[in-house]
Protein backbone atom coordinates (compact mmCIF):
# COMPACT_ATOMS: atom_id res chain seq x y z
CA MET A 1 -14.25 18.85 1.74
CA LYS A 2 -16.28 16.76 -0.72
CA ALA A 3 -13.42 14.27 -0.94
CA TYR A 4 -13.49 14.00 2.84
CA SER A 5 -17.20 13.10 2.63
CA VAL A 6 -16.38 10.20 0.30
CA PHE A 7 -13.62 9.09 2.66
CA LYS A 8 -15.94 9.38 5.66
CA LYS A 9 -18.58 7.24 3.92
CA ASP A 10 -16.03 4.53 3.13
CA TRP A 11 -14.48 4.65 6.58
CA GLN A 12 -17.83 4.33 8.36
CA SER A 13 -18.77 1.46 6.04
CA GLU A 14 -15.44 -0.24 6.76
CA LEU A 15 -15.91 0.14 10.52
CA ARG A 16 -19.27 -1.64 10.18
CA THR A 17 -18.10 -4.52 7.98
CA ARG A 18 -14.35 -4.50 8.78
CA TYR A 19 -13.72 -6.50 5.62
CA ALA A 20 -10.49 -4.81 4.53
CA ILE A 21 -9.19 -4.38 8.09
CA ASN A 22 -9.81 -8.04 8.95
CA ALA A 23 -8.32 -9.21 5.65
CA LEU A 24 -5.18 -7.15 6.22
CA ALA A 25 -4.85 -8.23 9.86
CA MET A 26 -5.25 -11.94 9.09
CA PHE A 27 -2.86 -11.82 6.14
CA ILE A 28 -0.21 -10.01 8.18
CA LEU A 29 -0.44 -12.47 11.07
CA VAL A 30 -0.48 -15.55 8.83
CA THR A 31 2.37 -14.37 6.61
CA ILE A 32 4.68 -13.40 9.48
CA SER A 33 3.86 -16.66 11.29
CA VAL A 34 4.71 -18.70 8.19
CA ILE A 35 8.01 -16.83 7.83
CA LEU A 36 8.89 -17.45 11.48
CA PHE A 37 8.03 -21.17 11.27
CA SER A 38 9.94 -21.53 7.99
CA ILE A 39 13.06 -19.89 9.38
CA GLY A 40 13.00 -21.76 12.68
CA ASP A 41 16.39 -21.54 14.37
CA GLU A 42 18.24 -20.91 11.12
CA PRO A 43 20.24 -17.65 11.10
CA ILE A 44 19.24 -15.15 8.42
CA SER A 45 21.02 -12.01 7.29
CA ASN A 46 19.85 -8.52 8.15
CA TYR A 47 19.29 -7.70 4.50
CA LEU A 48 17.06 -10.72 3.99
CA THR A 49 14.97 -9.64 6.96
CA GLY A 50 14.58 -6.18 5.43
CA GLY A 51 13.60 -7.71 2.10
CA LEU A 52 10.98 -9.92 3.72
CA LEU A 53 9.47 -6.82 5.33
CA TRP A 54 8.55 -5.37 1.94
CA VAL A 55 7.37 -8.74 0.66
CA VAL A 56 4.88 -8.88 3.54
CA ILE A 57 3.83 -5.26 2.97
CA PHE A 58 3.31 -5.79 -0.77
CA PHE A 59 1.19 -8.93 -0.50
CA SER A 60 -0.74 -7.58 2.47
CA ALA A 61 -1.66 -4.54 0.38
CA MET A 62 -2.86 -6.85 -2.39
CA SER A 63 -5.23 -8.58 0.03
CA GLY A 64 -7.23 -5.55 1.11
CA LEU A 65 -6.74 -2.37 -0.91
CA SER A 66 -8.82 -3.41 -3.93
CA ARG A 67 -11.98 -3.21 -1.83
CA VAL A 68 -12.09 0.57 -2.16
CA PHE A 69 -13.84 0.32 -5.56
CA VAL A 70 -14.89 -3.32 -5.64
CA SER A 71 -17.24 -2.72 -2.71
CA GLU A 72 -19.06 -0.02 -4.70
CA GLU A 73 -19.67 -2.49 -7.54
CA GLU A 74 -20.86 -5.20 -5.16
CA ARG A 75 -23.31 -2.86 -3.43
CA GLY A 76 -24.49 -1.34 -6.72
CA THR A 77 -23.68 2.20 -5.59
CA THR A 78 -21.25 3.07 -8.39
CA LEU A 79 -23.86 4.86 -10.53
CA THR A 80 -25.11 6.87 -7.56
CA LEU A 81 -21.57 7.96 -6.75
CA GLN A 82 -20.99 8.94 -10.37
CA LEU A 83 -24.09 11.14 -10.31
CA ILE A 84 -23.47 12.99 -7.05
CA ALA A 85 -19.67 13.43 -7.04
CA ALA A 86 -17.05 14.60 -9.52
CA PRO A 87 -14.43 12.03 -10.58
CA SER A 88 -11.62 13.97 -8.87
CA THR A 89 -13.65 14.04 -5.64
CA VAL A 90 -14.14 10.28 -5.75
CA PHE A 91 -10.48 9.64 -6.56
CA PHE A 92 -9.11 11.73 -3.70
CA GLY A 93 -11.72 10.44 -1.25
CA LYS A 94 -10.82 6.83 -2.06
CA LEU A 95 -7.13 7.73 -1.99
CA ILE A 96 -7.40 9.15 1.53
CA PHE A 97 -9.11 5.92 2.63
CA ASN A 98 -6.37 3.76 1.13
CA LEU A 99 -3.65 6.00 2.59
CA ILE A 100 -5.05 5.49 6.08
CA LEU A 101 -5.25 1.71 5.54
CA VAL A 102 -1.71 1.50 4.18
CA PHE A 103 -0.21 3.59 6.98
CA LEU A 104 -1.98 1.49 9.63
CA MET A 105 -0.85 -1.69 7.89
CA VAL A 106 2.78 -0.58 7.56
CA ILE A 107 2.94 0.57 11.19
CA ALA A 108 1.54 -2.78 12.37
CA ILE A 109 3.92 -4.84 10.22
CA THR A 110 6.98 -2.79 11.17
CA PHE A 111 6.08 -2.99 14.85
CA LEU A 112 5.70 -6.79 14.69
CA TYR A 113 8.96 -7.06 12.78
CA ALA A 114 10.84 -5.05 15.37
CA ILE A 115 9.55 -7.37 18.09
CA LEU A 116 9.82 -10.76 16.37
CA PHE A 117 13.00 -10.45 14.28
CA ASP A 118 16.22 -9.85 16.20
CA ASN A 119 18.12 -9.15 12.96
CA PHE A 120 15.82 -6.30 11.99
CA ILE A 121 18.05 -3.51 13.27
CA ILE A 122 17.77 -0.01 11.79
CA GLU A 123 20.85 2.15 12.27
CA ASN A 124 19.50 5.26 10.52
CA LEU A 125 15.91 5.52 11.77
CA GLY A 126 15.25 8.86 10.07
CA LEU A 127 16.08 7.54 6.60
CA PHE A 128 13.99 4.44 7.22
CA LEU A 129 10.94 6.43 8.38
CA VAL A 130 11.10 8.78 5.39
CA SER A 131 11.37 5.77 3.07
CA LEU A 132 8.48 4.10 4.86
CA PHE A 133 6.30 7.20 4.47
CA LEU A 134 7.06 7.78 0.79
CA GLY A 135 6.78 4.07 -0.01
CA SER A 136 3.44 3.74 1.76
CA ALA A 137 2.10 6.76 -0.12
CA GLY A 138 3.26 5.26 -3.43
CA ILE A 139 1.59 1.93 -2.68
CA ALA A 140 -1.68 3.67 -1.73
CA ILE A 141 -1.74 5.89 -4.84
CA SER A 142 -0.95 3.05 -7.26
CA SER A 143 -3.34 0.63 -5.57
CA THR A 144 -6.21 3.13 -5.71
CA LEU A 145 -5.78 3.65 -9.45
CA ILE A 146 -5.45 -0.09 -10.14
CA ALA A 147 -8.50 -0.85 -7.99
CA ALA A 148 -10.57 1.53 -10.14
CA ILE A 149 -9.36 -0.20 -13.32
CA ILE A 150 -10.23 -3.74 -12.21
CA ALA A 151 -13.46 -2.92 -10.33
CA LYS A 152 -15.71 -3.99 -13.22
CA ALA A 153 -13.68 -7.07 -14.16
CA ASN A 154 -15.00 -10.57 -13.48
CA THR A 155 -11.67 -11.85 -12.12
CA LYS A 156 -10.93 -9.04 -9.68
CA GLY A 157 -8.97 -11.16 -7.20
CA THR A 158 -6.56 -12.45 -9.84
CA LEU A 159 -6.27 -9.31 -11.93
CA TYR A 160 -5.41 -6.95 -9.08
CA PRO A 161 -2.02 -8.45 -8.08
CA VAL A 162 -1.18 -9.15 -11.74
CA LEU A 163 -1.55 -5.46 -12.65
CA SER A 164 -0.04 -4.24 -9.39
CA PHE A 165 3.21 -6.18 -9.59
CA PRO A 166 4.80 -4.51 -12.66
CA ILE A 167 3.62 -1.06 -11.54
CA LEU A 168 4.85 -1.44 -7.95
CA LEU A 169 8.05 -3.35 -8.77
CA PRO A 170 10.23 -0.22 -9.29
CA LEU A 171 8.89 1.18 -6.02
CA ILE A 172 9.60 -2.02 -4.09
CA LEU A 173 13.14 -2.34 -5.51
CA THR A 174 13.90 1.26 -4.52
CA LEU A 175 12.54 0.66 -1.02
CA LEU A 176 14.68 -2.45 -0.67
CA GLU A 177 17.80 -0.41 -1.37
CA LEU A 178 16.79 2.33 1.06
CA THR A 179 16.03 -0.24 3.75
CA LYS A 180 19.48 -1.70 3.20
CA PHE A 181 21.04 1.76 3.55
CA SER A 182 19.02 2.37 6.73
CA MET A 183 20.24 -0.90 8.23
CA ASP A 184 23.83 0.02 7.33
CA GLY A 185 23.48 3.43 8.97
CA GLU A 186 24.12 5.37 5.76
CA SER A 187 23.33 9.09 5.69
CA PHE A 188 20.51 10.86 3.86
CA ALA A 189 23.04 12.13 1.33
CA PHE A 190 24.02 8.57 0.47
CA GLY A 191 20.41 7.58 -0.26
CA TRP A 192 19.32 10.89 -1.80
CA THR A 193 19.06 9.47 -5.34
CA TYR A 194 16.69 6.73 -4.22
CA LEU A 195 14.62 9.17 -2.16
CA ALA A 196 14.30 11.35 -5.27
CA ILE A 197 13.08 8.29 -7.18
CA LEU A 198 10.42 7.68 -4.52
CA VAL A 199 9.22 11.29 -4.63
CA SER A 200 9.16 11.23 -8.44
CA TYR A 201 7.23 7.96 -8.44
CA ASP A 202 4.61 9.33 -6.04
CA VAL A 203 4.21 12.56 -8.03
CA VAL A 204 3.95 10.74 -11.37
CA MET A 205 1.39 8.23 -10.11
CA LEU A 206 -0.67 10.92 -8.38
CA THR A 207 -0.68 13.05 -11.53
CA ALA A 208 -1.54 10.06 -13.74
CA GLY A 209 -4.35 9.08 -11.38
CA PHE A 210 -5.80 12.59 -11.37
CA LEU A 211 -5.66 12.90 -15.17
CA LEU A 212 -6.83 9.39 -16.08
CA PHE A 213 -9.40 8.71 -13.39
CA ASP A 214 -12.14 10.64 -15.21
CA PHE A 215 -11.90 8.20 -18.15
CA ILE A 216 -11.56 5.12 -15.95
CA TRP A 217 -14.46 6.05 -13.67
CA LYS A 218 -16.95 6.70 -16.50
CA GLU A 219 -16.14 3.60 -18.55
C-alpha cells in the first residue's frame, strides 16, 4: 500500500508535467518516421522489421525512464523521501511507475508498427504477447535500478544509456529471437528455452534490485 502511495505521487506529478510521457511520445514518433523515410520504397525482410521494433523500444525507454529518480534530485525531494519511506517501498513504487510507462510505450509502438509496416506479420500472436510482456517487465526493472544508480551523477543523460546497454543487451537479444519465432509461427515449445531466459532475467534483476536498492538509495 505504501509503495502504491509512492507510485500515485509520481503518477500525479507526471500527469501535471508530462515530461516522461511527452519525451517518450516524441521519440517514438520521430524514430519511426526516420525509419520510414530511410526505407522509402525499398523492400525489407520481416526479420529486419522485427529487429527494428526492439531498437525503437530500447532507445525510447532510454529517453524517458531515467526521470523516475532524476526528478527527485532536481526537485530536492530525495532526502524527504528517504526519511518518510523505506527503501523497498520507494523501489517498488518507482518500479510500478516505470512498468506502467513501459507497457504504455510498448503498446503504442507495437500498434504503430502493425499499421505502418506491412512486413510486420506475427504468425504466433500468443508467443509474441508473452515475450512482449516479459520483455517489458525486464526493461522496467533494469531501468528502475539503473536510474537510481545514476540519479546523483552529473552526466545523467550520457551515463544512463551507457549503463543500460550491457545490462539490457542479453534481454534484447533474447527478445529478437522470440520475435523471429513468433513471425515464423513457431510453437511455445520451440521457444520455451528463450522464455525461460526471460523469466530468469526478470527474477534475477528484481531480486538484485530489492537487495541492492537499500545501499544505492542511501549513498
